[in-house]
Amino acid sequence: MNIIAYPENNAQMEAIKAFMNAFKIKFDIAKEGNTTGPSGLGDDQLEPLTKQQFMQWIEEAEKTPNMTLDAFNDKWEQKKQQLIKHTP
């Protein structure tokens, strides 16, 4: 069984690594040049967004709730402790 994730930044990558480590799940990280997107195509093979698609993406991003890094770290620490308690 395999899982493929597509983190968009270092914070997401660190969260994934912390989760995997918390559950003692073995994982590998692909080299930088060996990436494909969710479509299965490499970055150089993805079709560009239309102006309408881009504007919709911006609109959705602006509606996405956000929080400070400190608040995120506090929530992650709480969740991590809950996960560790349930790990055999």
PDB file of N, CA and C in Angstrom:
ATOM      1  N   MET A   1       0.851  -1.165   0.000  1.00  0.00           N
ATOM      2  CA  MET A   1       0.000   0.000   0.000  1.00  0.00           C
ATOM      3  C   MET A   1       0.900   1.232   0.000  1.00  0.00           C
ATOM      4  N   ASN A   2       0.609   2.230  -0.814  1.00  0.00           N
ATOM      5  CA  ASN A   2       1.394   3.453  -0.908  1.00  0.00           C
ATOM      6  C   ASN A   2       0.518   4.676  -0.750  1.00  0.00           C
ATOM      7  N   ILE A   3       1.106   5.736  -0.230  1.00  0.00           N
ATOM      8  CA  ILE A   3       0.446   7.029  -0.127  1.00  0.00           C
ATOM      9  C   ILE A   3       1.360   8.045  -0.799  1.00  0.00           C
ATOM     10  N   ILE A   4       0.803   8.875  -1.649  1.00  0.00           N
ATOM     11  CA  ILE A   4       1.573   9.930  -2.288  1.00  0.00           C
ATOM     12  C   ILE A   4       0.959  11.256  -1.855  1.00  0.00           C
ATOM     13  N   ALA A   5       1.778  12.134  -1.291  1.00  0.00           N
ATOM     14  CA  ALA A   5       1.308  13.446  -0.838  1.00  0.00           C
ATOM     15  C   ALA A   5       1.990  14.527  -1.662  1.00  0.00           C
ATOM     16  N   TYR A   6       1.340  15.664  -1.782  1.00  0.00           N
ATOM     17  CA  TYR A   6       1.875  16.780  -2.547  1.00  0.00           C
ATOM     18  C   TYR A   6       1.887  18.040  -1.682  1.00  0.00           C
ATOM     19  N   PRO A   7       2.792  18.103  -0.700  1.00  0.00           N
ATOM     20  CA  PRO A   7       2.836  19.306   0.134  1.00  0.00           C
ATOM     21  C   PRO A   7       3.208  20.520  -0.708  1.00  0.00           C
ATOM     22  N   GLU A   8       2.599  21.646  -0.381  1.00  0.00           N
ATOM     23  CA  GLU A   8       2.815  22.861  -1.157  1.00  0.00           C
ATOM     24  C   GLU A   8       3.891  23.760  -0.563  1.00  0.00           C
ATOM     25  N   ASN A   9       4.334  23.448   0.677  1.00  0.00           N
ATOM     26  CA  ASN A   9       5.374  24.269   1.300  1.00  0.00           C
ATOM     27  C   ASN A   9       6.061  23.466   2.401  1.00  0.00           C
ATOM     28  N   ASN A  10       7.105  24.047   2.977  1.00  0.00           N
ATOM     29  CA  ASN A  10       7.881  23.351   4.004  1.00  0.00           C
ATOM     30  C   ASN A  10       7.061  23.048   5.251  1.00  0.00           C
ATOM     31  N   ALA A  11       6.134  23.933   5.620  1.00  0.00           N
ATOM     32  CA  ALA A  11       5.302  23.700   6.801  1.00  0.00           C
ATOM     33  C   ALA A  11       4.457  22.445   6.621  1.00  0.00           C
ATOM     34  N   GLN A  12       3.878  22.275   5.443  1.00  0.00           N
ATOM     35  CA  GLN A  12       3.086  21.073   5.182  1.00  0.00           C
ATOM     36  C   GLN A  12       3.974  19.831   5.188  1.00  0.00           C
ATOM     37  N   MET A  13       5.176  19.950   4.624  1.00  0.00           N
ATOM     38  CA  MET A  13       6.095  18.818   4.603  1.00  0.00           C
ATOM     39  C   MET A  13       6.482  18.416   6.028  1.00  0.00           C
ATOM     40  N   GLU A  14       6.778  19.398   6.865  1.00  0.00           N
ATOM     41  CA  GLU A  14       7.148  19.109   8.246  1.00  0.00           C
ATOM     42  C   GLU A  14       5.988  18.472   9.011  1.00  0.00           C
ATOM     43  N   ALA A  15       4.765  18.925   8.751  1.00  0.00           N
ATOM     44  CA  ALA A  15       3.591  18.345   9.408  1.00  0.00           C
ATOM     45  C   ALA A  15       3.414  16.886   8.990  1.00  0.00           C
ATOM     46  N   ILE A  16       3.619  16.598   7.717  1.00  0.00           N
ATOM     47  CA  ILE A  16       3.505  15.220   7.228  1.00  0.00           C
ATOM     48  C   ILE A  16       4.569  14.344   7.888  1.00  0.00           C
ATOM     49  N   LYS A  17       5.802  14.832   7.934  1.00  0.00           N
ATOM     50  CA  LYS A  17       6.883  14.059   8.537  1.00  0.00           C
ATOM     51  C   LYS A  17       6.612  13.817  10.023  1.00  0.00           C
ATOM     52  N   ALA A  18       6.119  14.842  10.738  1.00  0.00           N
ATOM     53  CA  ALA A  18       5.814  14.689  12.157  1.00  0.00           C
ATOM     54  C   ALA A  18       4.722  13.648  12.378  1.00  0.00           C
ATOM     55  N   PHE A  19       3.701  13.682  11.548  1.00  0.00           N
ATOM     56  CA  PHE A  19       2.608  12.712  11.643  1.00  0.00           C
ATOM     57  C   PHE A  19       3.120  11.293  11.418  1.00  0.00           C
ATOM     58  N   MET A  20       3.909  11.127  10.358  1.00  0.00           N
ATOM     59  CA  MET A  20       4.436   9.798  10.036  1.00  0.00           C
ATOM     60  C   MET A  20       5.327   9.286  11.167  1.00  0.00           C
ATOM     61  N   ASN A  21       6.152  10.163  11.707  1.00  0.00           N
ATOM     62  CA  ASN A  21       7.020   9.768  12.810  1.00  0.00           C
ATOM     63  C   ASN A  21       6.217   9.443  14.063  1.00  0.00           C
ATOM     64  N   ALA A  22       5.161  10.223  14.342  1.00  0.00           N
ATOM     65  CA  ALA A  22       4.334   9.987  15.528  1.00  0.00           C
ATOM     66  C   ALA A  22       3.702   8.598  15.502  1.00  0.00           C
ATOM     67  N   PHE A  23       3.342   8.134  14.319  1.00  0.00           N
ATOM     68  CA  PHE A  23       2.741   6.814  14.184  1.00  0.00           C
ATOM     69  C   PHE A  23       3.756   5.732  13.815  1.00  0.00           C
ATOM     70  N   LYS A  24       5.022   6.128  13.797  1.00  0.00           N
ATOM     71  CA  LYS A  24       6.108   5.199  13.478  1.00  0.00           C
ATOM     72  C   LYS A  24       5.874   4.517  12.127  1.00  0.00           C
ATOM     73  N   ILE A  25       5.452   5.322  11.145  1.00  0.00           N
ATOM     74  CA  ILE A  25       5.223   4.839   9.785  1.00  0.00           C
ATOM     75  C   ILE A  25       6.483   5.135   8.983  1.00  0.00           C
ATOM     76  N   LYS A  26       7.021   4.105   8.332  1.00  0.00           N
ATOM     77  CA  LYS A  26       8.198   4.302   7.497  1.00  0.00           C
ATOM     78  C   LYS A  26       7.801   5.092   6.252  1.00  0.00           C
ATOM     79  N   PHE A  27       8.685   5.991   5.830  1.00  0.00           N
ATOM     80  CA  PHE A  27       8.391   6.769   4.629  1.00  0.00           C
ATOM     81  C   PHE A  27       9.682   7.181   3.951  1.00  0.00           C
ATOM     82  N   ASP A  28       9.570   7.480   2.673  1.00  0.00           N
ATOM     83  CA  ASP A  28      10.677   7.993   1.873  1.00  0.00           C
ATOM     84  C   ASP A  28      10.253   9.330   1.293  1.00  0.00           C
ATOM     85  N   ILE A  29      11.231  10.183   1.076  1.00  0.00           N
ATOM     86  CA  ILE A  29      10.976  11.474   0.450  1.00  0.00           C
ATOM     87  C   ILE A  29      11.670  11.477  -0.897  1.00  0.00           C
ATOM     88  N   ALA A  30      10.896  11.728  -1.959  1.00  0.00           N
ATOM     89  CA  ALA A  30      11.450  11.736  -3.308  1.00  0.00           C
ATOM     90  C   ALA A  30      12.386  12.923  -3.479  1.00  0.00           C
ATOM     91  N   LYS A  31      13.349  12.753  -4.355  1.00  0.00           N
ATOM     92  CA  LYS A  31      14.262  13.847  -4.656  1.00  0.00           C
ATOM     93  C   LYS A  31      13.497  14.975  -5.323  1.00  0.00           C
ATOM     94  N   GLU A  32      14.019  16.197  -5.190  1.00  0.00           N
ATOM     95  CA  GLU A  32      13.367  17.390  -5.735  1.00  0.00           C
ATOM     96  C   GLU A  32      12.931  17.242  -7.185  1.00  0.00           C
ATOM     97  N   GLY A  33      13.804  16.744  -8.050  1.00  0.00           N
ATOM     98  CA  GLY A  33      13.500  16.684  -9.472  1.00  0.00           C
ATOM     99  C   GLY A  33      12.546  15.577  -9.852  1.00  0.00           C
ATOM    100  N   ASN A  34      12.173  14.730  -8.919  1.00  0.00           N
ATOM    101  CA  ASN A  34      11.345  13.571  -9.201  1.00  0.00           C
ATOM    102  C   ASN A  34       9.941  13.778  -8.659  1.00  0.00           C
ATOM    103  N   THR A  35       9.283  14.852  -9.084  1.00  0.00           N
ATOM    104  CA  THR A  35       7.954  15.152  -8.561  1.00  0.00           C
ATOM    105  C   THR A  35       6.908  15.144  -9.662  1.00  0.00           C
ATOM    106  N   THR A  36       5.742  14.705  -9.289  1.00  0.00           N
ATOM    107  CA  THR A  36       4.589  14.803 -10.181  1.00  0.00           C
ATOM    108  C   THR A  36       3.455  15.397  -9.375  1.00  0.00           C
ATOM    109  N   GLY A  37       2.538  16.022 -10.047  1.00  0.00           N
ATOM    110  CA  GLY A  37       1.395  16.616  -9.370  1.00  0.00           C
ATOM    111  C   GLY A  37       0.277  15.601  -9.214  1.00  0.00           C
ATOM    112  N   PRO A  38      -0.829  16.014  -8.592  1.00  0.00           N
ATOM    113  CA  PRO A  38      -1.952  15.107  -8.386  1.00  0.00           C
ATOM    114  C   PRO A  38      -2.485  14.506  -9.683  1.00  0.00           C
ATOM    115  N   SER A  39      -2.237  15.155 -10.804  1.00  0.00           N
ATOM    116  CA  SER A  39      -2.723  14.627 -12.076  1.00  0.00           C
ATOM    117  C   SER A  39      -1.851  13.485 -12.578  1.00  0.00           C
ATOM    118  N   GLY A  40      -0.674  13.288 -11.929  1.00  0.00           N
ATOM    119  CA  GLY A  40       0.257  12.273 -12.397  1.00  0.00           C
ATOM    120  C   GLY A  40       1.226  12.817 -13.413  1.00  0.00           C
ATOM    121  N   LEU A  41       1.076  14.093 -13.767  1.00  0.00           N
ATOM    122  CA  LEU A  41       1.971  14.730 -14.720  1.00  0.00           C
ATOM    123  C   LEU A  41       3.006  15.537 -13.972  1.00  0.00           C
ATOM    124  N   GLY A  42       4.191  15.631 -14.527  1.00  0.00           N
ATOM    125  CA  GLY A  42       5.220  16.472 -13.936  1.00  0.00           C
ATOM    126  C   GLY A  42       4.837  17.928 -14.064  1.00  0.00           C
ATOM    127  N   ASP A  43       5.492  18.771 -13.246  1.00  0.00           N
ATOM    128  CA  ASP A  43       5.180  20.202 -13.266  1.00  0.00           C
ATOM    129  C   ASP A  43       5.293  20.799 -14.661  1.00  0.00           C
ATOM    130  N   ASP A  44       6.250  20.317 -15.452  1.00  0.00           N
ATOM    131  CA  ASP A  44       6.440  20.867 -16.787  1.00  0.00           C
ATOM    132  C   ASP A  44       5.375  20.391 -17.771  1.00  0.00           C
ATOM    133  N   GLN A  45       4.532  19.425 -17.358  1.00  0.00           N
ATOM    134  CA  GLN A  45       3.498  18.894 -18.239  1.00  0.00           C
ATOM    135  C   GLN A  45       2.101  19.409 -17.878  1.00  0.00           C
ATOM    136  N   LEU A  46       1.988  20.179 -16.807  1.00  0.00           N
ATOM    137  CA  LEU A  46       0.685  20.689 -16.398  1.00  0.00           C
ATOM    138  C   LEU A  46       0.258  21.816 -17.314  1.00  0.00           C
ATOM    139  N   GLU A  47      -1.018  21.841 -17.622  1.00  0.00           N
ATOM    140  CA  GLU A  47      -1.525  22.911 -18.473  1.00  0.00           C
ATOM    141  C   GLU A  47      -1.718  24.165 -17.637  1.00  0.00           C
ATOM    142  N   PRO A  48      -1.430  25.337 -18.197  1.00  0.00           N
ATOM    143  CA  PRO A  48      -1.606  26.571 -17.437  1.00  0.00           C
ATOM    144  C   PRO A  48      -3.077  26.823 -17.149  1.00  0.00           C
ATOM    145  N   LEU A  49      -3.339  27.533 -16.043  1.00  0.00           N
ATOM    146  CA  LEU A  49      -4.701  27.889 -15.689  1.00  0.00           C
ATOM    147  C   LEU A  49      -5.202  28.993 -16.613  1.00  0.00           C
ATOM    148  N   THR A  50      -6.480  28.948 -16.892  1.00  0.00           N
ATOM    149  CA  THR A  50      -7.084  30.070 -17.614  1.00  0.00           C
ATOM    150  C   THR A  50      -7.227  31.226 -16.629  1.00  0.00           C
ATOM    151  N   LYS A  51      -7.488  32.406 -17.136  1.00  0.00           N
ATOM    152  CA  LYS A  51      -7.677  33.562 -16.259  1.00  0.00           C
ATOM    153  C   LYS A  51      -8.850  33.316 -15.312  1.00  0.00           C
ATOM    154  N   GLN A  52      -9.923  32.715 -15.819  1.00  0.00           N
ATOM    155  CA  GLN A  52     -11.100  32.424 -14.989  1.00  0.00           C
ATOM    156  C   GLN A  52     -10.750  31.421 -13.886  1.00  0.00           C
ATOM    157  N   GLN A  53      -9.996  30.365 -14.225  1.00  0.00           N
ATOM    158  CA  GLN A  53      -9.585  29.377 -13.219  1.00  0.00           C
ATOM    159  C   GLN A  53      -8.699  30.016 -12.159  1.00  0.00           C
ATOM    160  N   PHE A  54      -7.780  30.881 -12.595  1.00  0.00           N
ATOM    161  CA  PHE A  54      -6.902  31.563 -11.667  1.00  0.00           C
ATOM    162  C   PHE A  54      -7.690  32.459 -10.723  1.00  0.00           C
ATOM    163  N   MET A  55      -8.647  33.224 -11.257  1.00  0.00           N
ATOM    164  CA  MET A  55      -9.464  34.107 -10.429  1.00  0.00           C
ATOM    165  C   MET A  55     -10.296  33.303  -9.432  1.00  0.00           C
ATOM    166  N   GLN A  56     -10.799  32.144  -9.857  1.00  0.00           N
ATOM    167  CA  GLN A  56     -11.567  31.286  -8.951  1.00  0.00           C
ATOM    168  C   GLN A  56     -10.656  30.750  -7.848  1.00  0.00           C
ATOM    169  N   TRP A  57      -9.434  30.382  -8.207  1.00  0.00           N
ATOM    170  CA  TRP A  57      -8.472  29.886  -7.220  1.00  0.00           C
ATOM    171  C   TRP A  57      -8.182  30.963  -6.178  1.00  0.00           C
ATOM    172  N   ILE A  58      -7.982  32.214  -6.625  1.00  0.00           N
ATOM    173  CA  ILE A  58      -7.732  33.334  -5.720  1.00  0.00           C
ATOM    174  C   ILE A  58      -8.925  33.541  -4.791  1.00  0.00           C
ATOM    175  N   GLU A  59     -10.136  33.513  -5.361  1.00  0.00           N
ATOM    176  CA  GLU A  59     -11.344  33.715  -4.565  1.00  0.00           C
ATOM    177  C   GLU A  59     -11.470  32.651  -3.476  1.00  0.00           C
ATOM    178  N   GLU A  60     -11.227  31.395  -3.828  1.00  0.00           N
ATOM    179  CA  GLU A  60     -11.298  30.314  -2.840  1.00  0.00           C
ATOM    180  C   GLU A  60     -10.205  30.457  -1.788  1.00  0.00           C
ATOM    181  N   ALA A  61      -9.009  30.846  -2.204  1.00  0.00           N
ATOM    182  CA  ALA A  61      -7.908  31.022  -1.256  1.00  0.00           C
ATOM    183  C   ALA A  61      -8.213  32.124  -0.249  1.00  0.00           C
ATOM    184  N   GLU A  62      -8.854  33.190  -0.708  1.00  0.00           N
ATOM    185  CA  GLU A  62      -9.183  34.297   0.182  1.00  0.00           C
ATOM    186  C   GLU A  62     -10.242  33.909   1.207  1.00  0.00           C
ATOM    187  N   LYS A  63     -11.068  32.930   0.898  1.00  0.00           N
ATOM    188  CA  LYS A  63     -12.112  32.484   1.821  1.00  0.00           C
ATOM    189  C   LYS A  63     -11.594  31.445   2.817  1.00  0.00           C
ATOM    190  N   THR A  64     -10.421  30.892   2.550  1.00  0.00           N
ATOM    191  CA  THR A  64      -9.861  29.848   3.403  1.00  0.00           C
ATOM    192  C   THR A  64      -9.482  30.447   4.754  1.00  0.00           C
ATOM    193  N   PRO A  65      -9.933  29.821   5.849  1.00  0.00           N
ATOM    194  CA  PRO A  65      -9.572  30.351   7.166  1.00  0.00           C
ATOM    195  C   PRO A  65      -8.058  30.242   7.381  1.00  0.00           C
ATOM    196  N   ASN A  66      -7.530  31.173   8.146  1.00  0.00           N
ATOM    197  CA  ASN A  66      -6.108  31.123   8.431  1.00  0.00           C
ATOM    198  C   ASN A  66      -5.870  31.408   9.899  1.00  0.00           C
ATOM    199  N   MET A  67      -4.645  31.140  10.339  1.00  0.00           N
ATOM    200  CA  MET A  67      -4.279  31.392  11.726  1.00  0.00           C
ATOM    201  C   MET A  67      -2.791  31.699  11.779  1.00  0.00           C
ATOM    202  N   THR A  68      -2.364  32.208  12.903  1.00  0.00           N
ATOM    203  CA  THR A  68      -0.949  32.504  13.053  1.00  0.00           C
ATOM    204  C   THR A  68      -0.170  31.200  13.176  1.00  0.00           C
ATOM    205  N   LEU A  69       1.116  31.270  12.915  1.00  0.00           N
ATOM    206  CA  LEU A  69       1.963  30.090  13.051  1.00  0.00           C
ATOM    207  C   LEU A  69       1.981  29.602  14.494  1.00  0.00           C
ATOM    208  N   ASP A  70       1.981  30.518  15.451  1.00  0.00           N
ATOM    209  CA  ASP A  70       1.968  30.116  16.863  1.00  0.00           C
ATOM    210  C   ASP A  70       0.687  29.347  17.203  1.00  0.00           C
ATOM    211  N   ALA A  71      -0.452  29.827  16.712  1.00  0.00           N
ATOM    212  CA  ALA A  71      -1.719  29.131  16.964  1.00  0.00           C
ATOM    213  C   ALA A  71      -1.703  27.754  16.322  1.00  0.00           C
ATOM    214  N   PHE A  72      -1.181  27.670  15.095  1.00  0.00           N
ATOM    215  CA  PHE A  72      -1.082  26.369  14.423  1.00  0.00           C
ATOM    216  C   PHE A  72      -0.196  25.427  15.216  1.00  0.00           C
ATOM    217  N   ASN A  73       0.970  25.913  15.649  1.00  0.00           N
ATOM    218  CA  ASN A  73       1.886  25.066  16.409  1.00  0.00           C
ATOM    219  C   ASN A  73       1.254  24.577  17.706  1.00  0.00           C
ATOM    220  N   ASP A  74       0.485  25.430  18.396  1.00  0.00           N
ATOM    221  CA  ASP A  74      -0.208  25.014  19.613  1.00  0.00           C
ATOM    222  C   ASP A  74      -1.227  23.920  19.316  1.00  0.00           C
ATOM    223  N   LYS A  75      -2.020  24.132  18.258  1.00  0.00           N
ATOM    224  CA  LYS A  75      -3.027  23.119  17.885  1.00  0.00           C
ATOM    225  C   LYS A  75      -2.353  21.813  17.479  1.00  0.00           C
ATOM    226  N   TRP A  76      -1.249  21.916  16.712  1.00  0.00           N
ATOM    227  CA  TRP A  76      -0.548  20.708  16.280  1.00  0.00           C
ATOM    228  C   TRP A  76       0.011  19.967  17.484  1.00  0.00           C
ATOM    229  N   GLU A  77       0.573  20.669  18.455  1.00  0.00           N
ATOM    230  CA  GLU A  77       1.134  20.022  19.641  1.00  0.00           C
ATOM    231  C   GLU A  77       0.042  19.277  20.405  1.00  0.00           C
ATOM    232  N   GLN A  78      -1.133  19.895  20.546  1.00  0.00           N
ATOM    233  CA  GLN A  78      -2.250  19.228  21.216  1.00  0.00           C
ATOM    234  C   GLN A  78      -2.668  17.969  20.460  1.00  0.00           C
ATOM    235  N   LYS A  79      -2.797  18.086  19.141  1.00  0.00           N
ATOM    236  CA  LYS A  79      -3.213  16.945  18.326  1.00  0.00           C
ATOM    237  C   LYS A  79      -2.154  15.854  18.365  1.00  0.00           C
ATOM    238  N   LYS A  80      -0.892  16.245  18.310  1.00  0.00           N
ATOM    239  CA  LYS A  80       0.199  15.274  18.344  1.00  0.00           C
ATOM    240  C   LYS A  80       0.157  14.478  19.648  1.00  0.00           C
ATOM    241  N   GLN A  81      -0.077  15.165  20.754  1.00  0.00           N
ATOM    242  CA  GLN A  81      -0.158  14.472  22.046  1.00  0.00           C
ATOM    243  C   GLN A  81      -1.331  13.492  22.064  1.00  0.00           C
ATOM    244  N   GLN A  82      -2.458  13.870  21.481  1.00  0.00           N
ATOM    245  CA  GLN A  82      -3.608  12.959  21.397  1.00  0.00           C
ATOM    246  C   GLN A  82      -3.243  11.726  20.563  1.00  0.00           C
ATOM    247  N   LEU A  83      -2.561  11.948  19.442  1.00  0.00           N
ATOM    248  CA  LEU A  83      -2.171  10.838  18.575  1.00  0.00           C
ATOM    249  C   LEU A  83      -1.189   9.905  19.271  1.00  0.00           C
ATOM    250  N   ILE A  84      -0.237  10.484  19.987  1.00  0.00           N
ATOM    251  CA  ILE A  84       0.757   9.663  20.690  1.00  0.00           C
ATOM    252  C   ILE A  84       0.089   8.796  21.746  1.00  0.00           C
ATOM    253  N   LYS A  85      -0.914   9.321  22.430  1.00  0.00           N
ATOM    254  CA  LYS A  85      -1.631   8.550  23.452  1.00  0.00           C
ATOM    255  C   LYS A  85      -2.320   7.327  22.846  1.00  0.00           C
ATOM    256  N   HIS A  86      -2.720   7.413  21.582  1.00  0.00           N
ATOM    257  CA  HIS A  86      -3.440   6.320  20.936  1.00  0.00           C
ATOM    258  C   HIS A  86      -2.530   5.410  20.122  1.00  0.00           C
ATOM    259  N   THR A  87      -1.231   5.668  20.165  1.00  0.00           N
ATOM    260  CA  THR A  87      -0.274   4.836  19.421  1.00  0.00           C
ATOM    261  C   THR A  87       0.200   3.706  20.324  1.00  0.00           C
ATOM    262  N   PRO A  88       0.114   2.476  19.816  1.00  0.00           N
ATOM    263  CA  PRO A  88       0.545   1.335  20.650  1.00  0.00           C
ATOM    264  C   PRO A  88       2.041   1.354  20.920  1.00  0.00           C
TER     265      PRO A  88
END
